[in-house]
C-alpha atoms as a PDB file:
ATOM      1  CA  MET A   1     -85.845  97.245-119.441  1.00  0.00           C
ATOM      2  CA  PRO A   2     -81.699  98.467-120.098  1.00  0.00           C
ATOM      3  CA  ASP A   3     -79.389  96.310-117.895  1.00  0.00           C
ATOM      4  CA  LEU A   4     -77.724  98.703-115.824  1.00  0.00           C
ATOM      5  CA  ARG A   5     -75.735  96.537-113.690  1.00  0.00           C
ATOM      6  CA  GLY A   6     -73.550  95.153-116.801  1.00  0.00           C
ATOM      7  CA  GLY A   7     -72.482  98.848-118.160  1.00  0.00           C
ATOM      8  CA  VAL A   8     -71.550  99.419-115.084  1.00  0.00           C
ATOM      9  CA  THR A   9     -69.433  97.003-114.265  1.00  0.00           C
ATOM     10  CA  GLY A  10     -67.981  98.041-117.604  1.00  0.00           C
ATOM     11  CA  ALA A  11     -67.940 101.170-116.863  1.00  0.00           C
ATOM     12  CA  ALA A  12     -65.358 100.522-113.895  1.00  0.00           C
ATOM     13  CA  HIS A  13     -63.560  97.701-115.401  1.00  0.00           C
ATOM     14  CA  GLY A  14     -62.600  99.882-118.054  1.00  0.00           C
ATOM     15  CA  ARG A  15     -61.839 102.572-115.573  1.00  0.00           C
ATOM     16  CA  GLY A  16     -59.459  99.499-114.311  1.00  0.00           C
ATOM     17  CA  SER A  17     -57.644  98.612-116.807  1.00  0.00           C
ATOM     18  CA  GLY A  18     -57.263 101.778-117.563  1.00  0.00           C
ATOM     19  CA  LEU A  19     -55.234 102.398-114.498  1.00  0.00           C
ATOM     20  CA  LEU A  20     -53.358  99.623-114.350  1.00  0.00           C
ATOM     21  CA  ALA A  21     -52.460 101.020-117.633  1.00  0.00           C
ATOM     22  CA  LEU A  22     -51.945 104.155-116.195  1.00  0.00           C
ATOM     23  CA  THR A  23     -49.870 102.009-112.932  1.00  0.00           C
ATOM     24  CA  GLY A  24     -47.863 100.513-115.711  1.00  0.00           C
ATOM     25  CA  LEU A  25     -46.249 103.684-117.309  1.00  0.00           C
ATOM     26  CA  LEU A  26     -45.418 105.141-114.120  1.00  0.00           C
ATOM     27  CA  ASP A  27     -43.443 102.042-113.093  1.00  0.00           C
ATOM     28  CA  VAL A  28     -41.075 102.032-116.287  1.00  0.00           C
ATOM     29  CA  VAL A  29     -40.978 105.439-116.326  1.00  0.00           C
ATOM     30  CA  ARG A  30     -39.585 105.280-112.838  1.00  0.00           C
ATOM     31  CA  ARG A  31     -37.421 102.647-113.015  1.00  0.00           C
ATOM     32  CA  ALA A  32     -36.062 104.171-116.176  1.00  0.00           C
ATOM     33  CA  VAL A  33     -34.739 107.015-114.285  1.00  0.00           C
ATOM     34  CA  PRO A  34     -31.317 107.047-113.390  1.00  0.00           C
ATOM     35  CA  THR A  35     -31.240 107.283-109.295  1.00  0.00           C
ATOM     36  CA  PRO A  36     -27.707 107.315-107.436  1.00  0.00           C
ATOM     37  CA  ARG A  37     -28.632 103.541-105.941  1.00  0.00           C
ATOM     38  CA  ARG A  38     -28.177 101.881-109.845  1.00  0.00           C
ATOM     39  CA  ASN A  39     -26.936 104.953-111.760  1.00  0.00           C
ATOM     40  CA  PRO A  40     -23.847 105.977-109.620  1.00  0.00           C
ATOM     41  CA  PHE A  41     -20.959 105.635-112.688  1.00  0.00           C
ATOM     42  CA  ALA A  42     -23.551 107.370-114.804  1.00  0.00           C
ATOM     43  CA  LEU A  43     -24.578 110.142-112.524  1.00  0.00           C
ATOM     44  CA  GLY A  44     -21.271 110.777-110.926  1.00  0.00           C
ATOM     45  CA  TYR A  45     -20.058 111.065-114.295  1.00  0.00           C
ATOM     46  CA  LEU A  46     -22.801 113.445-115.162  1.00  0.00           C
ATOM     47  CA  LEU A  47     -21.352 115.764-112.587  1.00  0.00           C
ATOM     48  CA  VAL A  48     -17.629 116.280-113.565  1.00  0.00           C
ATOM     49  CA  LEU A  49     -19.069 117.309-117.208  1.00  0.00           C
ATOM     50  CA  LEU A  50     -20.686 120.183-115.405  1.00  0.00           C
ATOM     51  CA  GLY A  51     -18.646 121.440-113.411  1.00  0.00           C
ATOM     52  CA  THR A  52     -16.350 121.274-115.978  1.00  0.00           C
ATOM     53  CA  THR A  53     -18.932 123.221-118.208  1.00  0.00           C
ATOM     54  CA  VAL A  54     -19.768 125.758-115.974  1.00  0.00           C
ATOM     55  CA  PHE A  55     -16.012 126.215-115.236  1.00  0.00           C
ATOM     56  CA  SER A  56     -14.791 126.444-119.237  1.00  0.00           C
ATOM     57  CA  HIS A  57     -17.831 129.552-118.633  1.00  0.00           C
ATOM     58  CA  PHE A  58     -16.994 131.459-115.865  1.00  0.00           C
ATOM     59  CA  GLY A  59     -13.462 130.215-115.694  1.00  0.00           C
ATOM     60  CA  ASP A  60     -10.725 132.278-116.278  1.00  0.00           C
ATOM     61  CA  PRO A  61     -10.408 131.968-120.148  1.00  0.00           C
ATOM     62  CA  ALA A  62      -6.690 131.438-121.048  1.00  0.00           C
ATOM     63  CA  LEU A  63      -7.050 129.308-117.573  1.00  0.00           C
ATOM     64  CA  VAL A  64      -9.010 127.112-119.259  1.00  0.00           C
ATOM     65  CA  HIS A  65      -7.867 126.856-123.077  1.00  0.00           C
ATOM     66  CA  ARG A  66      -4.511 126.051-121.682  1.00  0.00           C
ATOM     67  CA  LEU A  67      -6.484 122.891-119.385  1.00  0.00           C
ATOM     68  CA  GLN A  68      -8.331 121.749-122.461  1.00  0.00           C
ATOM     69  CA  ALA A  69      -5.112 121.911-124.652  1.00  0.00           C
ATOM     70  CA  ILE A  70      -3.580 119.617-122.297  1.00  0.00           C
ATOM     71  CA  SER A  71      -6.232 117.858-122.294  1.00  0.00           C
ATOM     72  CA  SER A  72      -6.813 117.396-126.140  1.00  0.00           C
ATOM     73  CA  THR A  73      -5.937 114.104-127.759  1.00  0.00           C
ATOM     74  CA  ASP A  74      -3.831 115.907-130.382  1.00  0.00           C
ATOM     75  CA  GLY A  75      -1.822 113.270-132.227  1.00  0.00           C
ATOM     76  CA  HIS A  76       1.119 115.975-130.263  1.00  0.00           C
ATOM     77  CA  ASN A  77      -0.416 114.649-126.876  1.00  0.00           C
ATOM     78  CA  LEU A  78      -0.942 111.900-127.109  1.00  0.00           C
ATOM     79  CA  LEU A  79       2.810 111.150-129.195  1.00  0.00           C
ATOM     80  CA  HIS A  80       4.307 112.923-125.403  1.00  0.00           C
ATOM     81  CA  ARG A  81       1.389 112.372-122.581  1.00  0.00           C
ATOM     82  CA  PRO A  82      -0.870 109.707-123.591  1.00  0.00           C
ATOM     83  CA  LEU A  83      -2.605 108.064-120.804  1.00  0.00           C
ATOM     84  CA  LEU A  84      -2.872 111.738-119.118  1.00  0.00           C
ATOM     85  CA  ALA A  85      -4.714 113.182-122.389  1.00  0.00           C
ATOM     86  CA  LEU A  86      -6.785 109.720-123.299  1.00  0.00           C
ATOM     87  CA  LEU A  87      -8.084 110.617-119.020  1.00  0.00           C
ATOM     88  CA  LEU A  88      -8.961 114.127-119.257  1.00  0.00           C
ATOM     89  CA  SER A  89      -9.992 114.303-122.491  1.00  0.00           C
ATOM     90  CA  GLY A  90     -13.039 112.213-121.878  1.00  0.00           C
ATOM     91  CA  LEU A  91     -13.582 115.016-118.957  1.00  0.00           C
ATOM     92  CA  TRP A  92     -14.655 118.389-120.866  1.00  0.00           C
ATOM     93  CA  VAL A  93     -17.984 117.892-123.242  1.00  0.00           C
ATOM     94  CA  ALA A  94     -17.240 119.192-127.018  1.00  0.00           C
ATOM     95  CA  GLY A  95     -19.134 122.574-126.718  1.00  0.00           C
ATOM     96  CA  PRO A  96     -20.707 125.188-124.449  1.00  0.00           C
ATOM     97  CA  VAL A  97     -23.222 122.918-123.542  1.00  0.00           C
ATOM     98  CA  TRP A  98     -24.087 120.486-121.012  1.00  0.00           C
ATOM     99  CA  MET A  99     -27.942 119.426-121.274  1.00  0.00           C
ATOM    100  CA  PRO A 100     -27.733 117.255-124.676  1.00  0.00           C
ATOM    101  CA  TYR A 101     -25.293 115.295-122.624  1.00  0.00           C
ATOM    102  CA  LEU A 102     -28.219 114.300-119.880  1.00  0.00           C
ATOM    103  CA  TRP A 103     -30.116 112.877-122.344  1.00  0.00           C
ATOM    104  CA  ALA A 104     -27.207 110.927-124.366  1.00  0.00           C
ATOM    105  CA  PHE A 105     -26.336 109.588-120.347  1.00  0.00           C
ATOM    106  CA  ALA A 106     -29.970 108.552-119.813  1.00  0.00           C
ATOM    107  CA  PHE A 107     -31.233 106.822-123.005  1.00  0.00           C
ATOM    108  CA  THR A 108     -27.562 105.227-123.258  1.00  0.00           C
ATOM    109  CA  VAL A 109     -25.225 105.155-120.455  1.00  0.00           C
ATOM    110  CA  ALA A 110     -27.464 104.623-117.695  1.00  0.00           C
ATOM    111  CA  PRO A 111     -29.656 101.866-119.143  1.00  0.00           C
ATOM    112  CA  LEU A 112     -26.347  99.660-119.632  1.00  0.00           C
ATOM    113  CA  GLU A 113     -25.516 100.759-115.966  1.00  0.00           C
ATOM    114  CA  ARG A 114     -29.474  98.928-114.476  1.00  0.00           C
ATOM    115  CA  ARG A 115     -27.611  95.384-116.539  1.00  0.00           C
ATOM    116  CA  VAL A 116     -24.436  95.077-116.213  1.00  0.00           C
ATOM    117  CA  GLY A 117     -23.226  97.582-113.249  1.00  0.00           C
ATOM    118  CA  GLY A 118     -21.590 100.141-112.586  1.00  0.00           C
ATOM    119  CA  ARG A 119     -17.724  98.431-113.464  1.00  0.00           C
ATOM    120  CA  GLY A 120     -19.507  97.080-116.841  1.00  0.00           C
ATOM    121  CA  ALA A 121     -20.718 100.023-118.522  1.00  0.00           C
ATOM    122  CA  ALA A 122     -17.836 102.219-117.394  1.00  0.00           C
ATOM    123  CA  ALA A 123     -15.247  99.569-118.875  1.00  0.00           C
ATOM    124  CA  VAL A 124     -17.853 100.009-122.095  1.00  0.00           C
ATOM    125  CA  PHE A 125     -17.435 103.310-122.160  1.00  0.00           C
ATOM    126  CA  ALA A 126     -13.321 103.855-121.578  1.00  0.00           C
ATOM    127  CA  ALA A 127     -12.780 101.655-124.475  1.00  0.00           C
ATOM    128  CA  GLY A 128     -14.684 103.366-126.889  1.00  0.00           C
ATOM    129  CA  HIS A 129     -13.377 106.420-125.961  1.00  0.00           C
ATOM    130  CA  ILE A 130     -10.423 104.694-126.107  1.00  0.00           C
ATOM    131  CA  LEU A 131     -10.277 102.846-129.011  1.00  0.00           C
ATOM    132  CA  ALA A 132     -11.627 105.442-131.376  1.00  0.00           C
ATOM    133  CA  THR A 133      -9.555 108.519-129.983  1.00  0.00           C
ATOM    134  CA  LEU A 134      -6.738 106.162-131.238  1.00  0.00           C
ATOM    135  CA  LEU A 135      -7.814 104.763-134.803  1.00  0.00           C
ATOM    136  CA  SER A 136      -9.365 108.628-135.419  1.00  0.00           C
ATOM    137  CA  GLN A 137      -5.663 110.352-134.372  1.00  0.00           C
ATOM    138  CA  LEU A 138      -4.076 107.591-136.845  1.00  0.00           C
ATOM    139  CA  VAL A 139      -6.257 108.430-139.782  1.00  0.00           C
ATOM    140  CA  VAL A 140      -5.123 111.267-138.885  1.00  0.00           C
ATOM    141  CA  ALA A 141      -0.882 111.270-138.385  1.00  0.00           C
ATOM    142  CA  LEU A 142      -1.748 109.377-141.528  1.00  0.00           C
ATOM    143  CA  SER A 143      -3.165 111.862-143.792  1.00  0.00           C
ATOM    144  CA  VAL A 144      -0.618 114.150-142.618  1.00  0.00           C
ATOM    145  CA  ALA A 145       1.931 112.282-143.628  1.00  0.00           C
ATOM    146  CA  ALA A 146       0.638 111.754-146.903  1.00  0.00           C
ATOM    147  CA  GLY A 147      -0.035 114.767-147.945  1.00  0.00           C
ATOM    148  CA  ARG A 148      -3.365 115.290-147.232  1.00  0.00           C
ATOM    149  CA  LEU A 149      -3.769 117.319-144.168  1.00  0.00           C
ATOM    150  CA  GLY A 150      -1.197 120.552-143.188  1.00  0.00           C
ATOM    151  CA  PRO A 151       0.730 119.483-139.976  1.00  0.00           C
ATOM    152  CA  GLY A 152      -1.389 121.584-137.347  1.00  0.00           C
ATOM    153  CA  ALA A 153      -3.626 118.515-137.688  1.00  0.00           C
ATOM    154  CA  LEU A 154      -1.850 116.500-135.255  1.00  0.00           C
ATOM    155  CA  ASP A 155      -2.738 119.841-133.198  1.00  0.00           C
ATOM    156  CA  ASP A 156      -5.757 120.394-134.143  1.00  0.00           C
ATOM    157  CA  LEU A 157      -8.289 120.329-130.145  1.00  0.00           C
ATOM    158  CA  ASP A 158     -10.241 116.909-129.018  1.00  0.00           C
ATOM    159  CA  ILE A 159     -12.410 116.276-125.963  1.00  0.00           C
ATOM    160  CA  GLY A 160     -15.521 115.549-125.536  1.00  0.00           C
ATOM    161  CA  VAL A 161     -17.310 111.924-124.156  1.00  0.00           C
ATOM    162  CA  SER A 162     -19.064 110.670-127.383  1.00  0.00           C
ATOM    163  CA  TYR A 163     -16.663 108.180-128.648  1.00  0.00           C
ATOM    164  CA  GLY A 164     -17.798 106.380-124.682  1.00  0.00           C
ATOM    165  CA  VAL A 165     -21.603 107.859-124.926  1.00  0.00           C
ATOM    166  CA  LEU A 166     -21.564 106.029-129.213  1.00  0.00           C
ATOM    167  CA  ALA A 167     -19.966 102.569-127.597  1.00  0.00           C
ATOM    168  CA  SER A 168     -22.872 102.504-124.653  1.00  0.00           C
ATOM    169  CA  LEU A 169     -25.124 102.479-126.630  1.00  0.00           C
ATOM    170  CA  GLY A 170     -23.667 100.245-129.192  1.00  0.00           C
ATOM    171  CA  ALA A 171     -23.108  97.878-126.278  1.00  0.00           C
ATOM    172  CA  LEU A 172     -26.758  98.317-125.482  1.00  0.00           C
ATOM    173  CA  ALA A 173     -28.374  97.647-128.721  1.00  0.00           C
ATOM    174  CA  GLY A 174     -27.570  94.203-128.287  1.00  0.00           C
ATOM    175  CA  LEU A 175     -29.091  93.581-124.288  1.00  0.00           C
ATOM    176  CA  LEU A 176     -32.708  94.089-126.537  1.00  0.00           C
ATOM    177  CA  ARG A 177     -34.677  92.204-128.450  1.00  0.00           C
ATOM    178  CA  PRO A 178     -34.198  92.441-131.786  1.00  0.00           C
ATOM    179  CA  GLY A 179     -36.748  95.657-133.026  1.00  0.00           C
ATOM    180  CA  GLY A 180     -34.594  97.287-130.531  1.00  0.00           C
ATOM    181  CA  ARG A 181     -31.495  96.352-131.325  1.00  0.00           C
ATOM    182  CA  VAL A 182     -32.465  96.790-135.812  1.00  0.00           C
ATOM    183  CA  LEU A 183     -34.092  99.992-134.551  1.00  0.00           C
ATOM    184  CA  VAL A 184     -31.494 101.704-131.990  1.00  0.00           C
ATOM    185  CA  LEU A 185     -28.173 100.275-134.366  1.00  0.00           C
ATOM    186  CA  ALA A 186     -30.565 102.157-137.706  1.00  0.00           C
ATOM    187  CA  GLY A 187     -31.830 105.414-135.422  1.00  0.00           C
ATOM    188  CA  ALA A 188     -27.240 105.819-134.165  1.00  0.00           C
ATOM    189  CA  SER A 189     -26.331 104.882-138.094  1.00  0.00           C
ATOM    190  CA  GLY A 190     -28.646 107.641-139.438  1.00  0.00           C
ATOM    191  CA  MET A 191     -27.332 109.737-136.820  1.00  0.00           C
ATOM    192  CA  ILE A 192     -23.071 109.279-137.592  1.00  0.00           C
ATOM    193  CA  GLY A 193     -24.104 109.197-141.366  1.00  0.00           C
ATOM    194  CA  HIS A 194     -25.888 112.417-141.372  1.00  0.00           C
ATOM    195  CA  GLN A 195     -22.949 114.134-138.369  1.00  0.00           C
ATOM    196  CA  ILE A 196     -20.621 112.695-141.500  1.00  0.00           C
ATOM    197  CA  LEU A 197     -22.037 113.910-144.226  1.00  0.00           C
ATOM    198  CA  ALA A 198     -23.097 117.897-142.529  1.00  0.00           C
ATOM    199  CA  ASP A 199     -19.261 117.776-140.259  1.00  0.00           C
ATOM    200  CA  GLN A 200     -17.080 116.667-143.103  1.00  0.00           C
ATOM    201  CA  ASP A 201     -14.667 116.437-140.010  1.00  0.00           C
ATOM    202  CA  LEU A 202     -12.209 112.630-140.106  1.00  0.00           C
ATOM    203  CA  VAL A 203     -11.307 112.446-136.904  1.00  0.00           C
ATOM    204  CA  THR A 204     -14.883 112.602-135.873  1.00  0.00           C
ATOM    205  CA  GLY A 205     -15.960 111.129-139.263  1.00  0.00           C
ATOM    206  CA  VAL A 206     -13.398 108.191-138.184  1.00  0.00           C
ATOM    207  CA  GLY A 207     -14.426 107.996-134.607  1.00  0.00           C
ATOM    208  CA  HIS A 208     -17.968 107.867-134.257  1.00  0.00           C
ATOM    209  CA  PRO A 209     -18.362 104.592-136.418  1.00  0.00           C
ATOM    210  CA  ALA A 210     -15.116 103.441-134.609  1.00  0.00           C
ATOM    211  CA  ALA A 211     -16.492 103.842-131.323  1.00  0.00           C
ATOM    212  CA  LEU A 212     -20.297 102.812-132.086  1.00  0.00           C
ATOM    213  CA  LEU A 213     -18.717  99.438-133.476  1.00  0.00           C
ATOM    214  CA  VAL A 214     -16.315  98.386-130.151  1.00  0.00           C
ATOM    215  CA  GLY A 215     -20.007  98.124-128.339  1.00  0.00           C
ATOM    216  CA  ILE A 216     -21.209  96.413-131.037  1.00  0.00           C
ATOM    217  CA  SER A 217     -18.053  93.973-130.604  1.00  0.00           C
ATOM    218  CA  LEU A 218     -18.913  93.282-127.059  1.00  0.00           C
ATOM    219  CA  TRP A 219     -22.210  92.669-127.030  1.00  0.00           C
ATOM    220  CA  ARG A 220     -21.059  88.937-125.962  1.00  0.00           C
ATOM    221  CA  TRP A 221     -18.874  89.880-123.019  1.00  0.00           C
ATOM    222  CA  LEU A 222     -22.209  91.623-121.986  1.00  0.00           C
ATOM    223  CA  ARG A 223     -24.726  88.623-122.584  1.00  0.00           C
ATOM    224  CA  ARG A 224     -22.341  86.541-120.157  1.00  0.00           C
ATOM    225  CA  GLY A 225     -21.400  88.637-118.503  1.00  0.00           C
ATOM    226  CA  PRO A 226     -17.476  89.480-116.478  1.00  0.00           C
ATOM    227  CA  GLY A 227     -16.242  86.683-114.825  1.00  0.00           C
ATOM    228  CA  ARG A 228     -18.212  84.444-116.467  1.00  0.00           C
ATOM    229  CA  PRO A 229     -17.160  81.390-119.121  1.00  0.00           C
ATOM    230  CA  LEU A 230     -18.155  81.797-122.754  1.00  0.00           C
ATOM    231  CA  ARG A 231     -20.328  78.139-123.503  1.00  0.00           C
ATOM    232  CA  LEU A 232     -18.811  76.855-126.522  1.00  0.00           C
ATOM    233  CA  ARG A 233     -20.978  73.761-126.675  1.00  0.00           C
ATOM    234  CA  ARG A 234     -24.949  73.463-126.861  1.00  0.00           C
ATOM    235  CA  PRO A 235     -26.486  72.271-123.865  1.00  0.00           C
ATOM    236  CA  PHE A 236     -26.721  68.034-123.539  1.00  0.00           C
ATOM    237  CA  PRO A 237     -30.521  67.308-124.503  1.00  0.00           C
ATOM    238  CA  GLY A 238     -32.704  67.291-121.732  1.00  0.00           C
ATOM    239  CA  ARG A 239     -30.782  70.065-120.211  1.00  0.00           C
ATOM    240  CA  VAL A 240     -31.749  73.433-119.757  1.00  0.00           C
ATOM    241  CA  ALA A 241     -29.475  75.640-120.899  1.00  0.00           C
ATOM    242  CA  PRO A 242     -29.262  79.356-118.125  1.00  0.00           C
ATOM    243  CA  SER A 243     -29.586  82.585-120.576  1.00  0.00           C
ATOM    244  CA  GLU A 244     -26.898  84.155-120.888  1.00  0.00           C
ATOM    245  CA  VAL A 245     -28.321  87.915-120.353  1.00  0.00           C
END
């Protein structure tokens, strides 16, 4: 006579394992979804970008053009009003569509913020936005001075948050395990390389890889945490060193 109890027990065990796996997956998804409590910086920034995107769609075109021209981090604005341009340029999306930035923030800025806090994420974002902007516009100015670009390149509209997002992605990679780090950096490098080849745009061709490198350069600071001293010496034998992540 077949052992029915073993079959029933096996089926119950299988259902229990499946339920545990599903519960674990749902818990991972729940913890990954941005919330106002865990991601005030990321969600607040997205709301600002949504507001300026809606305004650019429905606002007076002349006023929108005027405000974006003032916000642009082109060569002339950086020379005459650098702080205003650097601040305002990050309040617009480059293009008419907002939704891609929702996913960009959800997979870069939000997880970085959960690991290093709102102030840390804001510092990484600002560093990428500012440093990559200044470097890319310096290359434009040098190209104009060398005669490789016309003077009009100093007035080309330059707005958007892609530098901050890429810096956040580069910084986040340093907080992942080696396998995830390699995967993220390979994907980011491939995306940047494809864009350089497809667009042939000098500003983004310089700014995007620079922003990613800014995030990478902050790994050591993020791993030890803001305000914690660097540990330059190895711990004494027998003493357990606290984790830096």
